[in-house]
Each structure stands twice: as C-alpha cells, then as structure tokens.
Amino acid sequence: REWREEREIENLYFQSLEEEDRVRAELTLQIRMLREEIAETLRAVAYLDILLVKAIQVENMGLVLPEVKDGKKNERLSFQKLFHPQLKEILLQEGRKFQPVDVVLERGVTLLTGANMAGKSVLLKSIALAQGLAQFGFYVPAERAEIVPVSDILTCMGDGQDELSGLSSFAAEMLCVNEILLRVKRGEKVLVLIDELARTTNPTEGRAIVNGVIEFLAAYQIRALVTTHYGGIIAPCRKLRVRGFREEKIQGKLTLQNITDYIDYSLLEDASGEVSQEAIRIAEIIGVSRELTDNAKKFLDKS
C-alpha cells in the first residue's frame, strides 16, 4: 500500500510539471503576440522614471534648464552663478557657503590666472560637468546657462604621472596636450579645458609652452579655458583673473578651516595677465614659520 501511494504521489508530481510546462508555453505564446506593446510600455516606464529622477535632481540641487545655441554664430558659452554640486553640498554640511561664479567663454582662448586656493581647478571641473550634463539632456548647476554643443570635452587636469610606464608628470601632461592638439587639428568641434599648463617644468620653458599652446588653439578658434600661474603670456587670448584673497574682510582669527571664506572667487577682466603674488602672504597667515617666509621675501625682492 505504501508503495502504491508513493507511486501515485510521483505520478501527480510529474503531471503537475507537465501542466506547468503547458501553462508556461501558452503564456509565452500570448506574451509573444504582445511583445511590441510590452516593449513600448517598458520604454515608457523607463522614460517616466528618468523624468521623475531629473525633476527630483533639479529640485534638490537647484539646477536650471540651459539655453542651447546652434553654434553657427559667434555664440557664447555662458554661466551665471555656476556651482559645483558636490563641493557645494560638502560646504553646506560644514555650515559654510559656496560662492557661485559668473563665467563667459567666447570663441578662442581664455586665460585664467589666480593664486593657489583661488578655485581655478574647481571652475574648470564645474564647466566640464555643466557642459556634459547639458549634452546628456540634464539641467545644469547654475542660475542661468547658455550652452554651445560640442563633439567632445577635452580636459587636461591633475597629475598624470604614470609610474608603471615610467612617465613623469610633465611627460604625461605633454602627451595629453598633444592628443588635444591633434584632435583640434583634425577639425573636431571641442571644448578644451587645461589646468595649470606646464606647471611641472621650469618657468622659462613652461611660459613658452603656455604661449605655444594658446597660439595654436587661437589659430583654430577653439573655445578653450587655460589656467596658469605664469605671467608674461603674450599669445592672443582673452585674460581673466580670480579676484582672490581679501585680507581686508578678515574678522577674528584666521585658520586653515576658515581661510577660504575670505577668498573672492569672482572673475575679473585683466588685460595685463599678470599673476597675483599672494602665496607668501597666505603662508604667513596660516602660520608657516616666519623665518621661512622672511627668507622667501628676500629672494622675491631679488627676482
């Protein structure tokens, strides 16, 4: 009897499997007939999901819809109150404010000078981020924005030293710049952002390299922003300067934690292109040895 019951259970089990296969096959056939409608529905749901996420992002971050230009005329890449969302959020968590910046890039090269800690690198990253977001259909971190679409955003930022391939920081940077110039020469419509060009070599040759790169980019009328600490740049370009450290606004004790609160990150037209000399003064303010800074001043006077 037990054997008979086990056999019946086994038969029922296999019958259930057969029934499952039959139902599955029937459902598959029915679904296959509706595959286009299902695919369209899934695409619509995904699109709505993206729209909702974009709306939440706009609300939470304070983003703006950019005005997109066709680039046929001498149109500007322009941002009013541009900010970097991640850095702004970090500062807010620390109870501090992020200073947004107004910036306009005409066709041709714009040279930006300013002291250390003046926000030049952050500005380049903010422009790259805003341009990329706009071209992928997102709102941008600014109060107002005018975007000129490009085929690519070419950047040279940070220390590109490659210990595995034996390249120095300078060699890695020069290869990066060379790739940018080759793409410009091929006629690609690009936005070029270069931070502290030739900073890792001697000032004489570094200044010559900056002039050479700017002259090349200007000849092709490429919209570019190049930052530098070098003065004496004579290649054709528009020149801006970060306003910089405002010592007269200091209230109370200056510390490493609050020194950036007294830096004005706004940009000024500066046809001279001369770099501000604030490094030693900032070193003094943050408590670097007086003996060191006094010695440095003596050599500064002799240069």
C-alpha atoms as a PDB file:
ATOM      1  CA  ARG A   1       0.000   0.000   0.000  1.00  0.00           C
ATOM      2  CA  GLU A   2       2.772   2.442   0.836  1.00  0.00           C
ATOM      3  CA  TRP A   3       4.411   1.649  -2.474  1.00  0.00           C
ATOM      4  CA  ARG A   4       1.138   2.383  -4.312  1.00  0.00           C
ATOM      5  CA  GLU A   5       0.710   5.733  -2.528  1.00  0.00           C
ATOM      6  CA  GLU A   6       4.277   6.764  -3.317  1.00  0.00           C
ATOM      7  CA  ARG A   7       3.692   5.875  -6.954  1.00  0.00           C
ATOM      8  CA  GLU A   8       0.528   7.983  -7.065  1.00  0.00           C
ATOM      9  CA  ILE A   9       2.335  10.929  -5.494  1.00  0.00           C
ATOM     10  CA  GLU A  10       5.126  10.597  -8.025  1.00  0.00           C
ATOM     11  CA  ASN A  11       2.630  10.492 -10.904  1.00  0.00           C
ATOM     12  CA  LEU A  12       0.860  13.577  -9.570  1.00  0.00           C
ATOM     13  CA  TYR A  13       4.188  15.370  -9.304  1.00  0.00           C
ATOM     14  CA  PHE A  14       5.072  14.674 -12.940  1.00  0.00           C
ATOM     15  CA  GLN A  15       1.579  15.628 -14.016  1.00  0.00           C
ATOM     16  CA  SER A  16       1.988  18.969 -12.244  1.00  0.00           C
ATOM     17  CA  LEU A  17       5.276  19.541 -14.063  1.00  0.00           C
ATOM     18  CA  GLU A  18       3.617  18.820 -17.382  1.00  0.00           C
ATOM     19  CA  GLU A  19       0.793  21.209 -16.523  1.00  0.00           C
ATOM     20  CA  GLU A  20       3.298  23.909 -15.600  1.00  0.00           C
ATOM     21  CA  ASP A  21       5.080  23.423 -18.917  1.00  0.00           C
ATOM     22  CA  ARG A  22       1.784  23.629 -20.787  1.00  0.00           C
ATOM     23  CA  VAL A  23       0.736  26.843 -18.990  1.00  0.00           C
ATOM     24  CA  ARG A  24       4.173  28.336 -19.459  1.00  0.00           C
ATOM     25  CA  ALA A  25       4.145  27.588 -23.177  1.00  0.00           C
ATOM     26  CA  GLU A  26       0.657  29.062 -23.549  1.00  0.00           C
ATOM     27  CA  LEU A  27       1.605  32.226 -21.640  1.00  0.00           C
ATOM     28  CA  THR A  28       4.795  32.557 -23.670  1.00  0.00           C
ATOM     29  CA  LEU A  29       2.783  32.398 -26.886  1.00  0.00           C
ATOM     30  CA  GLN A  30       0.342  35.020 -25.638  1.00  0.00           C
ATOM     31  CA  ILE A  31       3.130  37.303 -24.428  1.00  0.00           C
ATOM     32  CA  ARG A  32       4.999  36.902 -27.710  1.00  0.00           C
ATOM     33  CA  MET A  33       1.955  38.222 -29.542  1.00  0.00           C
ATOM     34  CA  LEU A  34       2.109  41.320 -27.341  1.00  0.00           C
ATOM     35  CA  ARG A  35       5.895  41.754 -27.367  1.00  0.00           C
ATOM     36  CA  GLU A  36       5.836  45.125 -29.161  1.00  0.00           C
ATOM     37  CA  GLU A  37       3.236  46.559 -26.774  1.00  0.00           C
ATOM     38  CA  ILE A  38       5.170  45.264 -23.749  1.00  0.00           C
ATOM     39  CA  ALA A  39       8.468  46.670 -25.043  1.00  0.00           C
ATOM     40  CA  GLU A  40       6.847  50.052 -25.692  1.00  0.00           C
ATOM     41  CA  THR A  41       5.344  50.044 -22.208  1.00  0.00           C
ATOM     42  CA  LEU A  42       8.711  49.269 -20.622  1.00  0.00           C
ATOM     43  CA  ARG A  43      10.332  52.088 -22.618  1.00  0.00           C
ATOM     44  CA  ALA A  44       7.603  54.483 -21.475  1.00  0.00           C
ATOM     45  CA  VAL A  45       8.030  53.435 -17.833  1.00  0.00           C
ATOM     46  CA  ALA A  46      11.821  53.883 -18.090  1.00  0.00           C
ATOM     47  CA  TYR A  47      11.338  57.331 -19.676  1.00  0.00           C
ATOM     48  CA  LEU A  48       8.954  58.396 -16.927  1.00  0.00           C
ATOM     49  CA  ASP A  49      11.380  57.079 -14.324  1.00  0.00           C
ATOM     50  CA  ILE A  50      14.183  59.208 -15.787  1.00  0.00           C
ATOM     51  CA  LEU A  51      11.928  62.276 -15.890  1.00  0.00           C
ATOM     52  CA  LEU A  52      10.980  61.832 -12.248  1.00  0.00           C
ATOM     53  CA  VAL A  53      14.619  61.426 -11.197  1.00  0.00           C
ATOM     54  CA  LYS A  54      15.572  64.524 -13.208  1.00  0.00           C
ATOM     55  CA  ALA A  55      12.787  66.508 -11.547  1.00  0.00           C
ATOM     56  CA  ILE A  56      13.943  65.407  -8.092  1.00  0.00           C
ATOM     57  CA  GLN A  57      17.535  66.295  -9.003  1.00  0.00           C
ATOM     58  CA  VAL A  58      16.508  69.759 -10.242  1.00  0.00           C
ATOM     59  CA  GLU A  59      14.544  70.419  -7.053  1.00  0.00           C
ATOM     60  CA  ASN A  60      17.191  69.112  -4.648  1.00  0.00           C
ATOM     61  CA  MET A  61      20.222  70.687  -6.313  1.00  0.00           C
ATOM     62  CA  GLY A  62      18.750  73.908  -7.679  1.00  0.00           C
ATOM     63  CA  LEU A  63      19.588  73.190 -11.330  1.00  0.00           C
ATOM     64  CA  VAL A  64      18.466  75.193 -14.350  1.00  0.00           C
ATOM     65  CA  LEU A  65      17.373  74.379 -17.896  1.00  0.00           C
ATOM     66  CA  PRO A  66      20.164  75.617 -20.207  1.00  0.00           C
ATOM     67  CA  GLU A  67      19.530  77.592 -23.360  1.00  0.00           C
ATOM     68  CA  VAL A  68      21.123  75.585 -26.164  1.00  0.00           C
ATOM     69  CA  LYS A  69      22.689  77.507 -29.050  1.00  0.00           C
ATOM     70  CA  ASP A  70      23.306  76.105 -32.519  1.00  0.00           C
ATOM     71  CA  GLY A  71      26.915  77.290 -32.557  1.00  0.00           C
ATOM     72  CA  LYS A  72      26.682  78.750 -36.071  1.00  0.00           C
ATOM     73  CA  LYS A  73      27.130  82.327 -34.949  1.00  0.00           C
ATOM     74  CA  ASN A  74      29.723  83.733 -32.586  1.00  0.00           C
ATOM     75  CA  GLU A  75      27.705  82.487 -29.642  1.00  0.00           C
ATOM     76  CA  ARG A  76      28.942  82.294 -26.083  1.00  0.00           C
ATOM     77  CA  LEU A  77      29.249  79.504 -23.585  1.00  0.00           C
ATOM     78  CA  SER A  78      27.881  81.337 -20.585  1.00  0.00           C
ATOM     79  CA  PHE A  79      27.031  80.562 -16.963  1.00  0.00           C
ATOM     80  CA  GLN A  80      25.588  82.808 -14.302  1.00  0.00           C
ATOM     81  CA  LYS A  81      26.183  81.655 -10.731  1.00  0.00           C
ATOM     82  CA  LEU A  82      27.792  78.400 -11.796  1.00  0.00           C
ATOM     83  CA  PHE A  83      28.487  75.996  -8.941  1.00  0.00           C
ATOM     84  CA  HIS A  84      29.871  72.518  -8.319  1.00  0.00           C
ATOM     85  CA  PRO A  85      27.078  70.451  -6.681  1.00  0.00           C
ATOM     86  CA  GLN A  86      29.309  68.067  -4.746  1.00  0.00           C
ATOM     87  CA  LEU A  87      31.555  70.772  -3.311  1.00  0.00           C
ATOM     88  CA  LYS A  88      28.558  72.951  -2.512  1.00  0.00           C
ATOM     89  CA  GLU A  89      26.963  70.085  -0.582  1.00  0.00           C
ATOM     90  CA  ILE A  90      30.164  69.421   1.382  1.00  0.00           C
ATOM     91  CA  LEU A  91      30.447  73.082   2.360  1.00  0.00           C
ATOM     92  CA  LEU A  92      26.778  73.224   3.383  1.00  0.00           C
ATOM     93  CA  GLN A  93      27.296  70.211   5.640  1.00  0.00           C
ATOM     94  CA  GLU A  94      30.146  72.136   7.281  1.00  0.00           C
ATOM     95  CA  GLY A  95      27.940  75.176   7.772  1.00  0.00           C
ATOM     96  CA  ARG A  96      29.745  77.172   5.084  1.00  0.00           C
ATOM     97  CA  LYS A  97      28.670  78.756   1.797  1.00  0.00           C
ATOM     98  CA  PHE A  98      29.771  78.028  -1.754  1.00  0.00           C
ATOM     99  CA  GLN A  99      30.386  81.127  -3.876  1.00  0.00           C
ATOM    100  CA  PRO A 100      28.968  80.639  -7.376  1.00  0.00           C
ATOM    101  CA  VAL A 101      30.832  82.213 -10.294  1.00  0.00           C
ATOM    102  CA  ASP A 102      29.795  84.007 -13.477  1.00  0.00           C
ATOM    103  CA  VAL A 103      31.861  82.971 -16.488  1.00  0.00           C
ATOM    104  CA  VAL A 104      31.634  83.536 -20.243  1.00  0.00           C
ATOM    105  CA  LEU A 105      33.742  81.756 -22.851  1.00  0.00           C
ATOM    106  CA  GLU A 106      33.833  83.293 -26.317  1.00  0.00           C
ATOM    107  CA  ARG A 107      35.263  81.526 -29.342  1.00  0.00           C
ATOM    108  CA  GLY A 108      39.023  81.461 -28.901  1.00  0.00           C
ATOM    109  CA  VAL A 109      41.172  81.014 -25.818  1.00  0.00           C
ATOM    110  CA  THR A 110      40.530  82.468 -22.383  1.00  0.00           C
ATOM    111  CA  LEU A 111      43.471  82.541 -19.970  1.00  0.00           C
ATOM    112  CA  LEU A 112      42.706  82.438 -16.250  1.00  0.00           C
ATOM    113  CA  THR A 113      45.225  83.415 -13.589  1.00  0.00           C
ATOM    114  CA  GLY A 114      44.938  83.444  -9.827  1.00  0.00           C
ATOM    115  CA  ALA A 115      46.702  82.419  -6.655  1.00  0.00           C
ATOM    116  CA  ASN A 116      46.654  78.966  -5.121  1.00  0.00           C
ATOM    117  CA  MET A 117      43.331  78.127  -3.448  1.00  0.00           C
ATOM    118  CA  ALA A 118      41.578  80.583  -5.792  1.00  0.00           C
ATOM    119  CA  GLY A 119      39.245  77.949  -7.231  1.00  0.00           C
ATOM    120  CA  LYS A 120      40.642  77.723 -10.768  1.00  0.00           C
ATOM    121  CA  SER A 121      40.584  73.908 -10.849  1.00  0.00           C
ATOM    122  CA  VAL A 122      37.088  73.776  -9.373  1.00  0.00           C
ATOM    123  CA  LEU A 123      35.892  76.203 -12.050  1.00  0.00           C
ATOM    124  CA  LEU A 124      37.236  74.011 -14.859  1.00  0.00           C
ATOM    125  CA  LYS A 125      35.604  70.928 -13.357  1.00  0.00           C
ATOM    126  CA  SER A 126      32.325  72.812 -12.920  1.00  0.00           C
ATOM    127  CA  ILE A 127      32.320  73.902 -16.579  1.00  0.00           C
ATOM    128  CA  ALA A 128      33.106  70.368 -17.755  1.00  0.00           C
ATOM    129  CA  LEU A 129      30.323  68.970 -15.575  1.00  0.00           C
ATOM    130  CA  ALA A 130      27.757  71.543 -16.723  1.00  0.00           C
ATOM    131  CA  GLN A 131      28.604  71.057 -20.405  1.00  0.00           C
ATOM    132  CA  GLY A 132      28.410  67.285 -20.073  1.00  0.00           C
ATOM    133  CA  LEU A 133      25.121  67.357 -18.167  1.00  0.00           C
ATOM    134  CA  ALA A 134      23.544  69.665 -20.748  1.00  0.00           C
ATOM    135  CA  GLN A 135      24.599  67.475 -23.666  1.00  0.00           C
ATOM    136  CA  PHE A 136      23.174  64.380 -21.988  1.00  0.00           C
ATOM    137  CA  GLY A 137      19.860  66.147 -21.546  1.00  0.00           C
ATOM    138  CA  PHE A 138      20.123  67.154 -17.893  1.00  0.00           C
ATOM    139  CA  TYR A 139      19.653  70.503 -16.205  1.00  0.00           C
ATOM    140  CA  VAL A 140      22.861  72.249 -15.129  1.00  0.00           C
ATOM    141  CA  PRO A 141      24.220  73.664 -11.828  1.00  0.00           C
ATOM    142  CA  ALA A 142      23.770  77.375 -12.432  1.00  0.00           C
ATOM    143  CA  GLU A 143      21.204  80.145 -12.186  1.00  0.00           C
ATOM    144  CA  ARG A 144      21.309  80.689 -15.947  1.00  0.00           C
ATOM    145  CA  ALA A 145      23.239  78.913 -18.696  1.00  0.00           C
ATOM    146  CA  GLU A 146      23.848  79.157 -22.426  1.00  0.00           C
ATOM    147  CA  ILE A 147      25.358  76.018 -23.949  1.00  0.00           C
ATOM    148  CA  VAL A 148      27.048  75.589 -27.325  1.00  0.00           C
ATOM    149  CA  PRO A 149      27.120  71.832 -28.121  1.00  0.00           C
ATOM    150  CA  VAL A 150      30.481  70.232 -28.920  1.00  0.00           C
ATOM    151  CA  SER A 151      31.560  66.807 -30.126  1.00  0.00           C
ATOM    152  CA  ASP A 152      33.710  66.280 -27.037  1.00  0.00           C
ATOM    153  CA  ILE A 153      35.020  67.920 -23.875  1.00  0.00           C
ATOM    154  CA  LEU A 154      38.805  67.612 -23.821  1.00  0.00           C
ATOM    155  CA  THR A 155      40.478  68.125 -20.454  1.00  0.00           C
ATOM    156  CA  CYS A 156      43.998  68.072 -19.080  1.00  0.00           C
ATOM    157  CA  MET A 157      43.788  68.297 -15.297  1.00  0.00           C
ATOM    158  CA  GLY A 158      45.624  66.891 -12.315  1.00  0.00           C
ATOM    159  CA  ASP A 159      48.870  64.971 -12.067  1.00  0.00           C
ATOM    160  CA  GLY A 160      49.051  62.493 -14.918  1.00  0.00           C
ATOM    161  CA  GLN A 161      52.250  60.823 -13.713  1.00  0.00           C
ATOM    162  CA  ASP A 162      52.289  57.164 -14.686  1.00  0.00           C
ATOM    163  CA  GLU A 163      54.802  55.247 -12.607  1.00  0.00           C
ATOM    164  CA  LEU A 164      54.074  51.963 -14.393  1.00  0.00           C
ATOM    165  CA  SER A 165      55.002  53.329 -17.812  1.00  0.00           C
ATOM    166  CA  GLY A 166      57.811  55.477 -16.420  1.00  0.00           C
ATOM    167  CA  LEU A 167      56.281  58.785 -17.454  1.00  0.00           C
ATOM    168  CA  SER A 168      56.909  61.882 -15.363  1.00  0.00           C
ATOM    169  CA  SER A 169      54.106  64.322 -14.590  1.00  0.00           C
ATOM    170  CA  PHE A 170      55.423  66.636 -17.300  1.00  0.00           C
ATOM    171  CA  ALA A 171      55.693  63.904 -19.941  1.00  0.00           C
ATOM    172  CA  ALA A 172      52.197  62.611 -19.186  1.00  0.00           C
ATOM    173  CA  GLU A 173      50.814  66.144 -19.380  1.00  0.00           C
ATOM    174  CA  MET A 174      52.522  66.831 -22.692  1.00  0.00           C
ATOM    175  CA  LEU A 175      51.116  63.629 -24.211  1.00  0.00           C
ATOM    176  CA  CYS A 176      47.652  64.650 -23.029  1.00  0.00           C
ATOM    177  CA  VAL A 177      48.035  68.127 -24.529  1.00  0.00           C
ATOM    178  CA  ASN A 178      49.407  66.661 -27.753  1.00  0.00           C
ATOM    179  CA  GLU A 179      46.319  64.446 -28.120  1.00  0.00           C
ATOM    180  CA  ILE A 180      44.128  67.521 -27.660  1.00  0.00           C
ATOM    181  CA  LEU A 181      46.036  69.437 -30.327  1.00  0.00           C
ATOM    182  CA  LEU A 182      45.826  66.522 -32.780  1.00  0.00           C
ATOM    183  CA  ARG A 183      42.051  66.367 -32.396  1.00  0.00           C
ATOM    184  CA  VAL A 184      41.773  70.128 -32.824  1.00  0.00           C
ATOM    185  CA  LYS A 185      43.900  69.901 -35.970  1.00  0.00           C
ATOM    186  CA  ARG A 186      41.512  67.249 -37.355  1.00  0.00           C
ATOM    187  CA  GLY A 187      38.791  69.880 -37.206  1.00  0.00           C
ATOM    188  CA  GLU A 188      36.783  68.470 -34.311  1.00  0.00           C
ATOM    189  CA  LYS A 189      34.436  70.891 -32.609  1.00  0.00           C
ATOM    190  CA  VAL A 190      35.554  70.558 -28.990  1.00  0.00           C
ATOM    191  CA  LEU A 191      35.653  72.393 -25.688  1.00  0.00           C
ATOM    192  CA  VAL A 192      39.191  72.452 -24.263  1.00  0.00           C
ATOM    193  CA  LEU A 193      39.890  72.834 -20.532  1.00  0.00           C
ATOM    194  CA  ILE A 194      43.531  72.771 -19.385  1.00  0.00           C
ATOM    195  CA  ASP A 195      44.565  73.288 -15.766  1.00  0.00           C
ATOM    196  CA  GLU A 196      47.947  74.777 -14.805  1.00  0.00           C
ATOM    197  CA  LEU A 197      49.562  74.009 -18.154  1.00  0.00           C
ATOM    198  CA  ALA A 198      53.300  73.120 -17.954  1.00  0.00           C
ATOM    199  CA  ARG A 199      53.344  73.646 -14.185  1.00  0.00           C
ATOM    200  CA  THR A 200      55.791  70.776 -13.618  1.00  0.00           C
ATOM    201  CA  THR A 201      58.675  72.186 -15.653  1.00  0.00           C
ATOM    202  CA  ASN A 202      60.907  75.243 -15.276  1.00  0.00           C
ATOM    203  CA  PRO A 203      59.182  78.644 -15.558  1.00  0.00           C
ATOM    204  CA  THR A 204      61.056  79.786 -18.676  1.00  0.00           C
ATOM    205  CA  GLU A 205      60.105  76.809 -20.807  1.00  0.00           C
ATOM    206  CA  GLY A 206      56.742  76.477 -19.060  1.00  0.00           C
ATOM    207  CA  ARG A 207      55.809  80.004 -20.079  1.00  0.00           C
ATOM    208  CA  ALA A 208      56.907  79.282 -23.659  1.00  0.00           C
ATOM    209  CA  ILE A 209      54.769  76.127 -23.769  1.00  0.00           C
ATOM    210  CA  VAL A 210      51.705  78.001 -22.485  1.00  0.00           C
ATOM    211  CA  ASN A 211      52.191  80.652 -25.172  1.00  0.00           C
ATOM    212  CA  GLY A 212      52.650  77.996 -27.843  1.00  0.00           C
ATOM    213  CA  VAL A 213      49.527  76.017 -26.907  1.00  0.00           C
ATOM    214  CA  ILE A 214      47.387  79.154 -26.666  1.00  0.00           C
ATOM    215  CA  GLU A 215      48.595  80.394 -30.045  1.00  0.00           C
ATOM    216  CA  PHE A 216      47.778  77.013 -31.610  1.00  0.00           C
ATOM    217  CA  LEU A 217      44.260  76.865 -30.137  1.00  0.00           C
ATOM    218  CA  ALA A 218      43.598  80.505 -31.031  1.00  0.00           C
ATOM    219  CA  ALA A 219      44.517  79.859 -34.658  1.00  0.00           C
ATOM    220  CA  TYR A 220      41.761  77.224 -34.860  1.00  0.00           C
ATOM    221  CA  GLN A 221      39.290  79.418 -32.949  1.00  0.00           C
ATOM    222  CA  ILE A 222      38.734  76.656 -30.417  1.00  0.00           C
ATOM    223  CA  ARG A 223      36.732  77.606 -27.343  1.00  0.00           C
ATOM    224  CA  ALA A 224      39.200  76.919 -24.533  1.00  0.00           C
ATOM    225  CA  LEU A 225      39.922  77.869 -20.939  1.00  0.00           C
ATOM    226  CA  VAL A 226      43.528  77.559 -19.776  1.00  0.00           C
ATOM    227  CA  THR A 227      44.660  78.295 -16.218  1.00  0.00           C
ATOM    228  CA  THR A 228      48.216  79.226 -15.282  1.00  0.00           C
ATOM    229  CA  HIS A 229      50.451  80.696 -12.601  1.00  0.00           C
ATOM    230  CA  TYR A 230      52.790  82.120 -15.241  1.00  0.00           C
ATOM    231  CA  GLY A 231      52.873  85.816 -16.027  1.00  0.00           C
ATOM    232  CA  GLY A 232      54.104  87.238 -19.328  1.00  0.00           C
ATOM    233  CA  ILE A 233      51.707  85.315 -21.585  1.00  0.00           C
ATOM    234  CA  ILE A 234      51.663  87.234 -24.880  1.00  0.00           C
ATOM    235  CA  ALA A 235      49.875  84.782 -27.198  1.00  0.00           C
ATOM    236  CA  PRO A 236      46.476  86.055 -28.429  1.00  0.00           C
ATOM    237  CA  CYS A 237      43.820  85.327 -25.806  1.00  0.00           C
ATOM    238  CA  ARG A 238      41.272  86.892 -23.513  1.00  0.00           C
ATOM    239  CA  LYS A 239      42.599  87.245 -19.967  1.00  0.00           C
ATOM    240  CA  LEU A 240      40.705  86.774 -16.716  1.00  0.00           C
ATOM    241  CA  ARG A 241      41.872  86.785 -13.123  1.00  0.00           C
ATOM    242  CA  VAL A 242      40.313  85.405  -9.961  1.00  0.00           C
ATOM    243  CA  ARG A 243      39.806  88.350  -7.593  1.00  0.00           C
ATOM    244  CA  GLY A 244      41.484  86.323  -4.864  1.00  0.00           C
ATOM    245  CA  PHE A 245      42.277  86.741  -1.196  1.00  0.00           C
ATOM    246  CA  ARG A 246      40.514  89.660   0.524  1.00  0.00           C
ATOM    247  CA  GLU A 247      42.572  90.309   3.642  1.00  0.00           C
ATOM    248  CA  GLU A 248      40.573  93.423   4.493  1.00  0.00           C
ATOM    249  CA  LYS A 249      37.473  91.283   5.095  1.00  0.00           C
ATOM    250  CA  ILE A 250      39.039  89.123   7.809  1.00  0.00           C
ATOM    251  CA  GLN A 251      37.039  89.033  11.017  1.00  0.00           C
ATOM    252  CA  GLY A 252      38.517  87.331  14.039  1.00  0.00           C
ATOM    253  CA  LYS A 253      41.255  84.716  13.883  1.00  0.00           C
ATOM    254  CA  LEU A 254      42.229  83.273  10.529  1.00  0.00           C
ATOM    255  CA  THR A 255      42.630  79.481  10.440  1.00  0.00           C
ATOM    256  CA  LEU A 256      43.076  76.699   7.915  1.00  0.00           C
ATOM    257  CA  GLN A 257      39.383  75.964   8.358  1.00  0.00           C
ATOM    258  CA  ASN A 258      38.086  79.446   7.519  1.00  0.00           C
ATOM    259  CA  ILE A 259      40.719  80.930   5.191  1.00  0.00           C
ATOM    260  CA  THR A 260      38.690  80.073   2.074  1.00  0.00           C
ATOM    261  CA  ASP A 261      35.839  82.195   3.466  1.00  0.00           C
ATOM    262  CA  TYR A 262      37.987  85.241   2.698  1.00  0.00           C
ATOM    263  CA  ILE A 263      38.763  84.355  -0.909  1.00  0.00           C
ATOM    264  CA  ASP A 264      36.632  86.060  -3.548  1.00  0.00           C
ATOM    265  CA  TYR A 265      36.217  83.602  -6.416  1.00  0.00           C
ATOM    266  CA  SER A 266      34.648  86.086  -8.842  1.00  0.00           C
ATOM    267  CA  LEU A 267      36.402  86.669 -12.178  1.00  0.00           C
ATOM    268  CA  LEU A 268      37.798  89.976 -13.415  1.00  0.00           C
ATOM    269  CA  GLU A 269      38.903  91.046 -16.882  1.00  0.00           C
ATOM    270  CA  ASP A 270      42.660  91.638 -16.677  1.00  0.00           C
ATOM    271  CA  ALA A 271      44.353  92.512 -19.941  1.00  0.00           C
ATOM    272  CA  SER A 272      47.768  92.617 -18.262  1.00  0.00           C
ATOM    273  CA  GLY A 273      47.706  88.911 -17.495  1.00  0.00           C
ATOM    274  CA  GLU A 274      49.976  89.441 -14.525  1.00  0.00           C
ATOM    275  CA  VAL A 275      49.661  86.828 -11.811  1.00  0.00           C
ATOM    276  CA  SER A 276      48.791  87.829  -8.264  1.00  0.00           C
ATOM    277  CA  GLN A 277      51.503  87.306  -5.636  1.00  0.00           C
ATOM    278  CA  GLU A 278      49.622  86.059  -2.611  1.00  0.00           C
ATOM    279  CA  ALA A 279      51.333  82.762  -1.847  1.00  0.00           C
ATOM    280  CA  ILE A 280      53.821  84.028   0.742  1.00  0.00           C
ATOM    281  CA  ARG A 281      51.194  86.185   2.460  1.00  0.00           C
ATOM    282  CA  ILE A 282      48.804  83.239   2.725  1.00  0.00           C
ATOM    283  CA  ALA A 283      51.651  81.117   4.089  1.00  0.00           C
ATOM    284  CA  GLU A 284      52.223  83.768   6.773  1.00  0.00           C
ATOM    285  CA  ILE A 285      48.544  83.939   7.679  1.00  0.00           C
ATOM    286  CA  ILE A 286      48.144  80.204   8.149  1.00  0.00           C
ATOM    287  CA  GLY A 287      51.125  80.073  10.484  1.00  0.00           C
ATOM    288  CA  VAL A 288      54.073  78.936   8.399  1.00  0.00           C
ATOM    289  CA  SER A 289      57.423  79.679  10.055  1.00  0.00           C
ATOM    290  CA  ARG A 290      58.222  83.416   9.990  1.00  0.00           C
ATOM    291  CA  GLU A 291      61.865  82.594   9.334  1.00  0.00           C
ATOM    292  CA  LEU A 292      60.895  80.743   6.165  1.00  0.00           C
ATOM    293  CA  THR A 293      58.557  83.428   4.841  1.00  0.00           C
ATOM    294  CA  ASP A 294      61.049  86.220   5.582  1.00  0.00           C
ATOM    295  CA  ASN A 295      63.752  84.332   3.708  1.00  0.00           C
ATOM    296  CA  ALA A 296      61.368  83.808   0.798  1.00  0.00           C
ATOM    297  CA  LYS A 297      60.578  87.528   0.677  1.00  0.00           C
ATOM    298  CA  LYS A 298      64.270  88.360   0.338  1.00  0.00           C
ATOM    299  CA  PHE A 299      64.553  86.188  -2.741  1.00  0.00           C
ATOM    300  CA  LEU A 300      61.277  87.576  -4.087  1.00  0.00           C
ATOM    301  CA  ASP A 301      62.713  91.078  -3.939  1.00  0.00           C
ATOM    302  CA  LYS A 302      65.762  89.927  -5.886  1.00  0.00           C
ATOM    303  CA  SER A 303      63.808  88.178  -8.652  1.00  0.00           C
END
